[in-house]
Amino acid sequence: MSKPSAVGSVMITAARAAGRALARDFGEVENLQVSKKGPGDFVSNADHRAEEIIYAQLSKARPGYGFVMEERGIIEGTDKSNRFIVDPLDGTLNFLHGQPHYSVSIALEREGQLLCGVVFDVAKNEIFWAETGRGAWLEQRKLRVAARRKLSESVVATGTPWIGKSEAAHIGFAREIAAMTPVCAGIRRYGSAALDLAWVAAGRFDGFWERDLKPWDIAAGIVLVREAGGYVEEIDGGDVLKTGSIVAGNEDILPAVRKQIRHADAFGKAAAIK
């Protein structure tokens, strides 16, 4: 059994503390103050409280580290080599609708490389954590991506574009779904990309794809999948943290998913030219 490093333990402690606050707010969700950041994009005082807890604990434990946070944005640290990437509440829409599927996500990036990731499934009280060279774990159980080799036997997760996204984004996603549904055993859309990736690491999902995500949505999950023996790539070959277009799975499922969605994209472009 592996144990987290000192910084990994700090991240786990901060995630649990934020999760306790979220769990209390979840019980009184009707009393939360909610505002819109954009069409279909909501933020509540629960998000802000959880983020404040994480920031306070991590900045005390690792003074000088920088932050990339969903609500606060970029906070430059005196230590330019290290920064935490934080989503205090991934799955806000689920949370606000009383659906118990949401998470806290914290990653550590050092010299541009993702080293540690923690995803806390608050409702199920499951801590997923991973560190480069230490493997991926659910509490004290070592994780491994699913071993299925055929897309026809696989369950794949995704996320849908929300209201406010371009018409092209919605049409493109519809084409991708049309390309995927005939060839895989099932598609799931649960509303927390961080948990989707954690579940790929745990073998609960065989693969995952989504476009236009933010670094805080996926950074911790990327570490989890890679340390569980899986692969994460940018759909079109770019920098996944910059574009947010991600595909994940084992060595057989990832290329199979990418092939289907690239085919859908190519079909859409050809139709547009006509």
C-alpha atoms as a PDB file:
ATOM      1  CA  MET A   1       0.000   0.000   0.000  1.00  0.00           C
ATOM      2  CA  SER A   2       1.313   3.416  -0.927  1.00  0.00           C
ATOM      3  CA  LYS A   3       0.856   6.504   1.183  1.00  0.00           C
ATOM      4  CA  PRO A   4       0.518  10.046  -0.129  1.00  0.00           C
ATOM      5  CA  SER A   5       3.449  12.417   0.155  1.00  0.00           C
ATOM      6  CA  ALA A   6       3.337  15.323   2.567  1.00  0.00           C
ATOM      7  CA  VAL A   7       1.850  17.644  -0.037  1.00  0.00           C
ATOM      8  CA  GLY A   8      -0.576  14.932  -1.154  1.00  0.00           C
ATOM      9  CA  SER A   9      -1.784  14.533   2.426  1.00  0.00           C
ATOM     10  CA  VAL A  10      -2.317  18.291   2.671  1.00  0.00           C
ATOM     11  CA  MET A  11      -4.390  18.225  -0.524  1.00  0.00           C
ATOM     12  CA  ILE A  12      -6.513  15.341   0.763  1.00  0.00           C
ATOM     13  CA  THR A  13      -7.111  17.137   4.062  1.00  0.00           C
ATOM     14  CA  ALA A  14      -8.144  20.328   2.260  1.00  0.00           C
ATOM     15  CA  ALA A  15     -10.499  18.416  -0.040  1.00  0.00           C
ATOM     16  CA  ARG A  16     -12.164  16.706   2.908  1.00  0.00           C
ATOM     17  CA  ALA A  17     -12.576  19.998   4.774  1.00  0.00           C
ATOM     18  CA  ALA A  18     -14.187  21.637   1.743  1.00  0.00           C
ATOM     19  CA  GLY A  19     -16.353  18.564   1.280  1.00  0.00           C
ATOM     20  CA  ARG A  20     -17.698  18.797   4.824  1.00  0.00           C
ATOM     21  CA  ALA A  21     -18.787  22.377   4.148  1.00  0.00           C
ATOM     22  CA  LEU A  22     -20.419  21.349   0.874  1.00  0.00           C
ATOM     23  CA  ALA A  23     -22.259  18.494   2.564  1.00  0.00           C
ATOM     24  CA  ARG A  24     -23.737  20.929   5.093  1.00  0.00           C
ATOM     25  CA  ASP A  25     -24.799  23.311   2.338  1.00  0.00           C
ATOM     26  CA  PHE A  26     -26.241  20.443   0.306  1.00  0.00           C
ATOM     27  CA  GLY A  27     -28.666  19.776   3.144  1.00  0.00           C
ATOM     28  CA  GLU A  28     -29.959  23.354   2.881  1.00  0.00           C
ATOM     29  CA  VAL A  29     -29.520  23.960  -0.821  1.00  0.00           C
ATOM     30  CA  GLU A  30     -32.779  25.923  -1.058  1.00  0.00           C
ATOM     31  CA  ASN A  31     -31.256  28.628   1.153  1.00  0.00           C
ATOM     32  CA  LEU A  32     -28.117  29.184  -0.911  1.00  0.00           C
ATOM     33  CA  GLN A  33     -27.471  32.417  -2.745  1.00  0.00           C
ATOM     34  CA  VAL A  34     -26.994  31.607  -6.413  1.00  0.00           C
ATOM     35  CA  SER A  35     -25.801  33.840  -9.234  1.00  0.00           C
ATOM     36  CA  LYS A  36     -25.060  33.391 -12.915  1.00  0.00           C
ATOM     37  CA  LYS A  37     -21.562  33.631 -14.346  1.00  0.00           C
ATOM     38  CA  GLY A  38     -22.994  33.137 -17.818  1.00  0.00           C
ATOM     39  CA  PRO A  39     -25.784  31.274 -19.626  1.00  0.00           C
ATOM     40  CA  GLY A  40     -26.214  27.936 -17.900  1.00  0.00           C
ATOM     41  CA  ASP A  41     -23.179  28.609 -15.679  1.00  0.00           C
ATOM     42  CA  PHE A  42     -24.044  29.080 -12.011  1.00  0.00           C
ATOM     43  CA  VAL A  43     -22.118  29.789  -8.848  1.00  0.00           C
ATOM     44  CA  SER A  44     -23.343  29.671  -5.262  1.00  0.00           C
ATOM     45  CA  ASN A  45     -21.987  30.779  -1.932  1.00  0.00           C
ATOM     46  CA  ALA A  46     -21.279  27.080  -1.340  1.00  0.00           C
ATOM     47  CA  ASP A  47     -18.679  27.229  -4.161  1.00  0.00           C
ATOM     48  CA  HIS A  48     -17.097  30.305  -2.598  1.00  0.00           C
ATOM     49  CA  ARG A  49     -17.028  28.840   0.915  1.00  0.00           C
ATOM     50  CA  ALA A  50     -15.430  25.608  -0.274  1.00  0.00           C
ATOM     51  CA  GLU A  51     -12.837  27.484  -2.295  1.00  0.00           C
ATOM     52  CA  GLU A  52     -11.966  29.712   0.662  1.00  0.00           C
ATOM     53  CA  ILE A  53     -11.392  26.647   2.849  1.00  0.00           C
ATOM     54  CA  ILE A  54      -9.101  25.072   0.261  1.00  0.00           C
ATOM     55  CA  TYR A  55      -7.184  28.287  -0.320  1.00  0.00           C
ATOM     56  CA  ALA A  56      -6.700  28.911   3.407  1.00  0.00           C
ATOM     57  CA  GLN A  57      -5.440  25.404   4.122  1.00  0.00           C
ATOM     58  CA  LEU A  58      -3.169  25.036   1.095  1.00  0.00           C
ATOM     59  CA  SER A  59      -1.671  28.515   1.311  1.00  0.00           C
ATOM     60  CA  LYS A  60      -0.873  27.940   4.998  1.00  0.00           C
ATOM     61  CA  ALA A  61       0.697  24.539   4.329  1.00  0.00           C
ATOM     62  CA  ARG A  62       2.563  25.617   1.205  1.00  0.00           C
ATOM     63  CA  PRO A  63       3.117  29.381   1.382  1.00  0.00           C
ATOM     64  CA  GLY A  64       4.321  30.827  -1.880  1.00  0.00           C
ATOM     65  CA  TYR A  65       2.632  28.292  -4.143  1.00  0.00           C
ATOM     66  CA  GLY A  66       0.427  29.787  -6.845  1.00  0.00           C
ATOM     67  CA  PHE A  67      -3.192  28.904  -7.559  1.00  0.00           C
ATOM     68  CA  VAL A  68      -5.489  28.484 -10.533  1.00  0.00           C
ATOM     69  CA  MET A  69      -8.993  28.520  -9.057  1.00  0.00           C
ATOM     70  CA  GLU A  70     -12.389  28.388 -10.718  1.00  0.00           C
ATOM     71  CA  GLU A  71     -13.841  31.319  -8.787  1.00  0.00           C
ATOM     72  CA  ARG A  72     -10.787  33.390  -7.811  1.00  0.00           C
ATOM     73  CA  GLY A  73      -8.875  32.876 -11.029  1.00  0.00           C
ATOM     74  CA  ILE A  74      -5.071  32.951 -11.154  1.00  0.00           C
ATOM     75  CA  ILE A  75      -3.185  33.830  -7.975  1.00  0.00           C
ATOM     76  CA  GLU A  76       0.514  34.292  -8.567  1.00  0.00           C
ATOM     77  CA  GLY A  77       2.799  32.861  -5.900  1.00  0.00           C
ATOM     78  CA  THR A  78       6.348  33.713  -4.988  1.00  0.00           C
ATOM     79  CA  ASP A  79       7.232  30.105  -5.838  1.00  0.00           C
ATOM     80  CA  LYS A  80       6.910  30.114  -9.633  1.00  0.00           C
ATOM     81  CA  SER A  81       7.517  26.369  -9.935  1.00  0.00           C
ATOM     82  CA  ASN A  82       4.429  25.149  -8.081  1.00  0.00           C
ATOM     83  CA  ARG A  83       0.744  25.894  -8.321  1.00  0.00           C
ATOM     84  CA  PHE A  84      -2.476  24.245  -7.226  1.00  0.00           C
ATOM     85  CA  ILE A  85      -5.326  23.875  -9.713  1.00  0.00           C
ATOM     86  CA  VAL A  86      -8.618  23.899  -7.820  1.00  0.00           C
ATOM     87  CA  ASP A  87     -12.279  23.285  -8.535  1.00  0.00           C
ATOM     88  CA  PRO A  88     -14.086  23.646  -5.191  1.00  0.00           C
ATOM     89  CA  LEU A  89     -17.337  22.230  -6.552  1.00  0.00           C
ATOM     90  CA  ASP A  90     -17.373  20.278  -9.789  1.00  0.00           C
ATOM     91  CA  GLY A  91     -20.951  19.483 -10.628  1.00  0.00           C
ATOM     92  CA  THR A  92     -22.536  22.719  -9.393  1.00  0.00           C
ATOM     93  CA  LEU A  93     -25.719  22.176 -11.408  1.00  0.00           C
ATOM     94  CA  ASN A  94     -26.180  18.725  -9.861  1.00  0.00           C
ATOM     95  CA  PHE A  95     -25.552  20.237  -6.424  1.00  0.00           C
ATOM     96  CA  LEU A  96     -28.089  23.019  -6.900  1.00  0.00           C
ATOM     97  CA  HIS A  97     -30.740  20.535  -8.048  1.00  0.00           C
ATOM     98  CA  GLY A  98     -30.241  18.262  -5.033  1.00  0.00           C
ATOM     99  CA  GLN A  99     -28.510  15.530  -7.036  1.00  0.00           C
ATOM    100  CA  PRO A 100     -25.802  13.838  -4.918  1.00  0.00           C
ATOM    101  CA  HIS A 101     -23.117  13.655  -7.578  1.00  0.00           C
ATOM    102  CA  TYR A 102     -20.537  16.401  -7.219  1.00  0.00           C
ATOM    103  CA  SER A 103     -16.898  16.642  -6.201  1.00  0.00           C
ATOM    104  CA  VAL A 104     -13.936  18.646  -4.982  1.00  0.00           C
ATOM    105  CA  SER A 105     -10.937  18.562  -7.321  1.00  0.00           C
ATOM    106  CA  ILE A 106      -7.365  19.640  -6.463  1.00  0.00           C
ATOM    107  CA  ALA A 107      -4.216  19.116  -8.543  1.00  0.00           C
ATOM    108  CA  LEU A 108      -0.600  20.153  -8.093  1.00  0.00           C
ATOM    109  CA  GLU A 109       1.366  21.291 -11.114  1.00  0.00           C
ATOM    110  CA  ARG A 110       5.162  21.615 -10.843  1.00  0.00           C
ATOM    111  CA  GLU A 111       7.289  23.089 -13.618  1.00  0.00           C
ATOM    112  CA  GLY A 112       4.360  22.650 -15.990  1.00  0.00           C
ATOM    113  CA  GLN A 113       3.870  18.963 -15.130  1.00  0.00           C
ATOM    114  CA  LEU A 114       0.892  17.542 -13.237  1.00  0.00           C
ATOM    115  CA  LEU A 115       2.215  15.632 -10.226  1.00  0.00           C
ATOM    116  CA  CYS A 116      -0.656  15.084  -7.778  1.00  0.00           C
ATOM    117  CA  GLY A 117      -4.407  14.836  -8.064  1.00  0.00           C
ATOM    118  CA  VAL A 118      -7.219  14.510  -5.532  1.00  0.00           C
ATOM    119  CA  VAL A 119     -10.907  14.116  -6.354  1.00  0.00           C
ATOM    120  CA  PHE A 120     -13.344  13.856  -3.449  1.00  0.00           C
ATOM    121  CA  ASP A 121     -16.805  12.430  -4.141  1.00  0.00           C
ATOM    122  CA  VAL A 122     -18.542  14.158  -1.257  1.00  0.00           C
ATOM    123  CA  ALA A 123     -21.885  12.330  -1.315  1.00  0.00           C
ATOM    124  CA  LYS A 124     -20.255   8.875  -1.423  1.00  0.00           C
ATOM    125  CA  ASN A 125     -17.372   9.885   0.869  1.00  0.00           C
ATOM    126  CA  GLU A 126     -14.808   8.538  -1.603  1.00  0.00           C
ATOM    127  CA  ILE A 127     -11.349  10.067  -1.869  1.00  0.00           C
ATOM    128  CA  PHE A 128      -9.526   9.343  -5.115  1.00  0.00           C
ATOM    129  CA  TRP A 129      -5.879  10.358  -5.088  1.00  0.00           C
ATOM    130  CA  ALA A 130      -2.825   9.855  -7.255  1.00  0.00           C
ATOM    131  CA  GLU A 131       0.774  10.991  -7.414  1.00  0.00           C
ATOM    132  CA  THR A 132       3.363  10.477 -10.107  1.00  0.00           C
ATOM    133  CA  GLY A 133       5.210   7.259  -9.314  1.00  0.00           C
ATOM    134  CA  ARG A 134       2.917   6.312  -6.414  1.00  0.00           C
ATOM    135  CA  GLY A 135      -0.065   5.028  -8.390  1.00  0.00           C
ATOM    136  CA  ALA A 136      -3.744   5.904  -8.165  1.00  0.00           C
ATOM    137  CA  TRP A 137      -5.840   5.013  -5.146  1.00  0.00           C
ATOM    138  CA  LEU A 138      -9.383   5.011  -3.808  1.00  0.00           C
ATOM    139  CA  GLU A 139      -8.663   5.501  -0.132  1.00  0.00           C
ATOM    140  CA  GLN A 140      -6.271   2.533   0.392  1.00  0.00           C
ATOM    141  CA  ARG A 141      -7.304   0.466  -2.635  1.00  0.00           C
ATOM    142  CA  LYS A 142      -5.035   0.631  -5.666  1.00  0.00           C
ATOM    143  CA  LEU A 143      -6.828   1.577  -8.869  1.00  0.00           C
ATOM    144  CA  ARG A 144      -6.451   0.218 -12.372  1.00  0.00           C
ATOM    145  CA  VAL A 145      -8.262   1.261 -15.523  1.00  0.00           C
ATOM    146  CA  ALA A 146     -10.666  -1.257 -17.032  1.00  0.00           C
ATOM    147  CA  ALA A 147      -9.130  -3.959 -19.236  1.00  0.00           C
ATOM    148  CA  ARG A 148     -11.866  -4.123 -21.867  1.00  0.00           C
ATOM    149  CA  ARG A 149     -10.510  -3.965 -25.404  1.00  0.00           C
ATOM    150  CA  LYS A 150     -13.669  -3.644 -27.452  1.00  0.00           C
ATOM    151  CA  LEU A 151     -15.745  -0.482 -27.686  1.00  0.00           C
ATOM    152  CA  SER A 152     -18.832  -2.654 -28.140  1.00  0.00           C
ATOM    153  CA  GLU A 153     -18.370  -3.897 -24.545  1.00  0.00           C
ATOM    154  CA  SER A 154     -17.524  -0.499 -23.046  1.00  0.00           C
ATOM    155  CA  VAL A 155     -19.383   2.186 -21.149  1.00  0.00           C
ATOM    156  CA  VAL A 156     -18.117   5.654 -22.066  1.00  0.00           C
ATOM    157  CA  ALA A 157     -18.805   8.928 -20.260  1.00  0.00           C
ATOM    158  CA  THR A 158     -19.117  12.378 -21.753  1.00  0.00           C
ATOM    159  CA  GLY A 159     -20.415  15.876 -21.061  1.00  0.00           C
ATOM    160  CA  THR A 160     -22.862  17.893 -23.105  1.00  0.00           C
ATOM    161  CA  PRO A 161     -22.499  21.521 -24.184  1.00  0.00           C
ATOM    162  CA  TRP A 162     -24.782  23.688 -22.070  1.00  0.00           C
ATOM    163  CA  ILE A 163     -27.017  26.597 -22.957  1.00  0.00           C
ATOM    164  CA  GLY A 164     -24.931  29.532 -24.143  1.00  0.00           C
ATOM    165  CA  LYS A 165     -22.529  27.425 -26.177  1.00  0.00           C
ATOM    166  CA  SER A 166     -22.475  28.023 -29.907  1.00  0.00           C
ATOM    167  CA  GLU A 167     -24.841  26.302 -32.296  1.00  0.00           C
ATOM    168  CA  ALA A 168     -21.805  24.679 -33.886  1.00  0.00           C
ATOM    169  CA  ALA A 169     -20.821  23.172 -30.516  1.00  0.00           C
ATOM    170  CA  HIS A 170     -24.266  21.633 -30.044  1.00  0.00           C
ATOM    171  CA  ILE A 171     -24.417  20.314 -33.601  1.00  0.00           C
ATOM    172  CA  GLY A 172     -20.908  18.920 -33.332  1.00  0.00           C
ATOM    173  CA  PHE A 173     -21.750  17.122 -30.094  1.00  0.00           C
ATOM    174  CA  ALA A 174     -24.905  15.663 -31.629  1.00  0.00           C
ATOM    175  CA  ARG A 175     -22.769  14.229 -34.433  1.00  0.00           C
ATOM    176  CA  GLU A 176     -20.332  12.755 -31.921  1.00  0.00           C
ATOM    177  CA  ILE A 177     -23.147  11.087 -29.999  1.00  0.00           C
ATOM    178  CA  ALA A 178     -24.574   9.733 -33.256  1.00  0.00           C
ATOM    179  CA  ALA A 179     -21.161   8.271 -34.060  1.00  0.00           C
ATOM    180  CA  MET A 180     -20.662   6.740 -30.609  1.00  0.00           C
ATOM    181  CA  THR A 181     -24.036   5.244 -29.673  1.00  0.00           C
ATOM    182  CA  PRO A 182     -24.081   2.484 -32.332  1.00  0.00           C
ATOM    183  CA  VAL A 183     -20.615   1.205 -31.428  1.00  0.00           C
ATOM    184  CA  CYS A 184     -20.389   1.156 -27.610  1.00  0.00           C
ATOM    185  CA  ALA A 185     -22.331  -0.627 -24.877  1.00  0.00           C
ATOM    186  CA  GLY A 186     -23.536   2.613 -23.312  1.00  0.00           C
ATOM    187  CA  ILE A 187     -22.931   6.331 -22.860  1.00  0.00           C
ATOM    188  CA  ARG A 188     -23.292   8.148 -19.545  1.00  0.00           C
ATOM    189  CA  ARG A 189     -23.554  11.860 -18.767  1.00  0.00           C
ATOM    190  CA  TYR A 190     -23.347  12.476 -15.002  1.00  0.00           C
ATOM    191  CA  GLY A 191     -22.296  16.120 -14.828  1.00  0.00           C
ATOM    192  CA  SER A 192     -18.893  16.109 -13.096  1.00  0.00           C
ATOM    193  CA  ALA A 193     -15.874  15.737 -15.380  1.00  0.00           C
ATOM    194  CA  ALA A 194     -13.575  15.318 -12.375  1.00  0.00           C
ATOM    195  CA  LEU A 195     -15.578  12.307 -11.206  1.00  0.00           C
ATOM    196  CA  ASP A 196     -15.869  10.962 -14.748  1.00  0.00           C
ATOM    197  CA  LEU A 197     -12.080  10.805 -14.934  1.00  0.00           C
ATOM    198  CA  ALA A 198     -11.804   9.359 -11.426  1.00  0.00           C
ATOM    199  CA  TRP A 199     -14.226   6.645 -12.489  1.00  0.00           C
ATOM    200  CA  VAL A 200     -12.147   5.913 -15.587  1.00  0.00           C
ATOM    201  CA  ALA A 201      -9.182   5.444 -13.248  1.00  0.00           C
ATOM    202  CA  ALA A 202     -11.298   3.132 -11.080  1.00  0.00           C
ATOM    203  CA  GLY A 203     -12.501   1.068 -14.050  1.00  0.00           C
ATOM    204  CA  ARG A 204     -16.126   2.138 -13.584  1.00  0.00           C
ATOM    205  CA  PHE A 205     -16.042   3.836 -16.973  1.00  0.00           C
ATOM    206  CA  ASP A 206     -13.997   2.478 -19.846  1.00  0.00           C
ATOM    207  CA  GLY A 207     -13.488   5.840 -21.509  1.00  0.00           C
ATOM    208  CA  PHE A 208     -14.368   9.517 -21.452  1.00  0.00           C
ATOM    209  CA  TRP A 209     -14.439  12.407 -23.873  1.00  0.00           C
ATOM    210  CA  GLU A 210     -15.538  16.021 -23.700  1.00  0.00           C
ATOM    211  CA  ARG A 211     -14.651  19.337 -25.293  1.00  0.00           C
ATOM    212  CA  ASP A 212     -14.079  22.849 -23.978  1.00  0.00           C
ATOM    213  CA  LEU A 213     -13.390  22.016 -20.353  1.00  0.00           C
ATOM    214  CA  LYS A 214     -11.293  24.136 -17.994  1.00  0.00           C
ATOM    215  CA  PRO A 215      -8.006  23.089 -16.348  1.00  0.00           C
ATOM    216  CA  TRP A 216      -9.649  22.800 -12.926  1.00  0.00           C
ATOM    217  CA  ASP A 217     -12.221  20.371 -14.354  1.00  0.00           C
ATOM    218  CA  ILE A 218      -9.646  17.847 -15.519  1.00  0.00           C
ATOM    219  CA  ALA A 219      -6.192  18.406 -13.965  1.00  0.00           C
ATOM    220  CA  ALA A 220      -6.615  16.071 -10.975  1.00  0.00           C
ATOM    221  CA  GLY A 221      -8.424  13.471 -13.055  1.00  0.00           C
ATOM    222  CA  ILE A 222      -5.604  13.388 -15.594  1.00  0.00           C
ATOM    223  CA  VAL A 223      -3.153  12.356 -12.868  1.00  0.00           C
ATOM    224  CA  LEU A 224      -5.576   9.693 -11.635  1.00  0.00           C
ATOM    225  CA  VAL A 225      -6.071   8.104 -15.054  1.00  0.00           C
ATOM    226  CA  ARG A 226      -2.385   8.094 -15.950  1.00  0.00           C
ATOM    227  CA  GLU A 227      -1.324   6.636 -12.611  1.00  0.00           C
ATOM    228  CA  ALA A 228      -4.021   3.958 -12.955  1.00  0.00           C
ATOM    229  CA  GLY A 229      -2.366   2.782 -16.163  1.00  0.00           C
ATOM    230  CA  GLY A 230      -4.577   4.690 -18.563  1.00  0.00           C
ATOM    231  CA  TYR A 231      -3.966   7.367 -21.132  1.00  0.00           C
ATOM    232  CA  VAL A 232      -5.177  10.937 -21.547  1.00  0.00           C
ATOM    233  CA  GLU A 233      -4.804  12.940 -24.744  1.00  0.00           C
ATOM    234  CA  GLU A 234      -6.138  16.037 -26.406  1.00  0.00           C
ATOM    235  CA  ILE A 235      -8.730  15.018 -28.980  1.00  0.00           C
ATOM    236  CA  ASP A 236      -7.038  16.793 -31.872  1.00  0.00           C
ATOM    237  CA  GLY A 237      -3.451  16.495 -30.675  1.00  0.00           C
ATOM    238  CA  GLY A 238      -2.988  19.818 -28.866  1.00  0.00           C
ATOM    239  CA  ASP A 239      -2.373  20.753 -25.235  1.00  0.00           C
ATOM    240  CA  VAL A 240      -5.266  19.290 -23.260  1.00  0.00           C
ATOM    241  CA  LEU A 241      -5.042  21.808 -20.399  1.00  0.00           C
ATOM    242  CA  LYS A 242      -5.219  24.686 -22.881  1.00  0.00           C
ATOM    243  CA  THR A 243      -8.041  23.457 -25.127  1.00  0.00           C
ATOM    244  CA  GLY A 244      -9.981  21.338 -22.632  1.00  0.00           C
ATOM    245  CA  SER A 245     -10.790  18.821 -25.372  1.00  0.00           C
ATOM    246  CA  ILE A 246     -10.008  15.524 -23.710  1.00  0.00           C
ATOM    247  CA  VAL A 247     -10.243  11.808 -24.382  1.00  0.00           C
ATOM    248  CA  ALA A 248      -9.241   9.141 -21.859  1.00  0.00           C
ATOM    249  CA  GLY A 249      -9.168   5.375 -21.561  1.00  0.00           C
ATOM    250  CA  ASN A 250      -6.866   2.390 -21.848  1.00  0.00           C
ATOM    251  CA  GLU A 251      -4.533   1.828 -24.801  1.00  0.00           C
ATOM    252  CA  ASP A 252      -7.318   0.305 -26.923  1.00  0.00           C
ATOM    253  CA  ILE A 253     -10.411   2.264 -25.896  1.00  0.00           C
ATOM    254  CA  LEU A 254      -8.881   5.750 -26.126  1.00  0.00           C
ATOM    255  CA  PRO A 255      -7.947   5.491 -29.831  1.00  0.00           C
ATOM    256  CA  ALA A 256     -11.275   3.819 -30.603  1.00  0.00           C
ATOM    257  CA  VAL A 257     -13.247   6.667 -29.006  1.00  0.00           C
ATOM    258  CA  ARG A 258     -11.078   9.294 -30.663  1.00  0.00           C
ATOM    259  CA  LYS A 259     -11.503   7.653 -34.062  1.00  0.00           C
ATOM    260  CA  GLN A 260     -15.293   7.791 -33.784  1.00  0.00           C
ATOM    261  CA  ILE A 261     -15.484  11.412 -32.682  1.00  0.00           C
ATOM    262  CA  ARG A 262     -12.901  12.558 -35.218  1.00  0.00           C
ATOM    263  CA  HIS A 263     -14.908  10.792 -37.902  1.00  0.00           C
ATOM    264  CA  ALA A 264     -18.010  12.674 -36.745  1.00  0.00           C
ATOM    265  CA  ASP A 265     -16.083  15.950 -36.841  1.00  0.00           C
ATOM    266  CA  ALA A 266     -14.760  15.266 -40.344  1.00  0.00           C
ATOM    267  CA  PHE A 267     -18.269  14.399 -41.542  1.00  0.00           C
ATOM    268  CA  GLY A 268     -19.566  17.693 -40.136  1.00  0.00           C
ATOM    269  CA  LYS A 269     -16.871  19.733 -41.835  1.00  0.00           C
ATOM    270  CA  ALA A 270     -17.513  18.008 -45.161  1.00  0.00           C
ATOM    271  CA  ALA A 271     -21.250  18.675 -44.862  1.00  0.00           C
ATOM    272  CA  ALA A 272     -20.574  22.342 -44.085  1.00  0.00           C
ATOM    273  CA  ILE A 273     -18.453  22.688 -47.221  1.00  0.00           C
ATOM    274  CA  LYS A 274     -21.242  21.292 -49.370  1.00  0.00           C
END
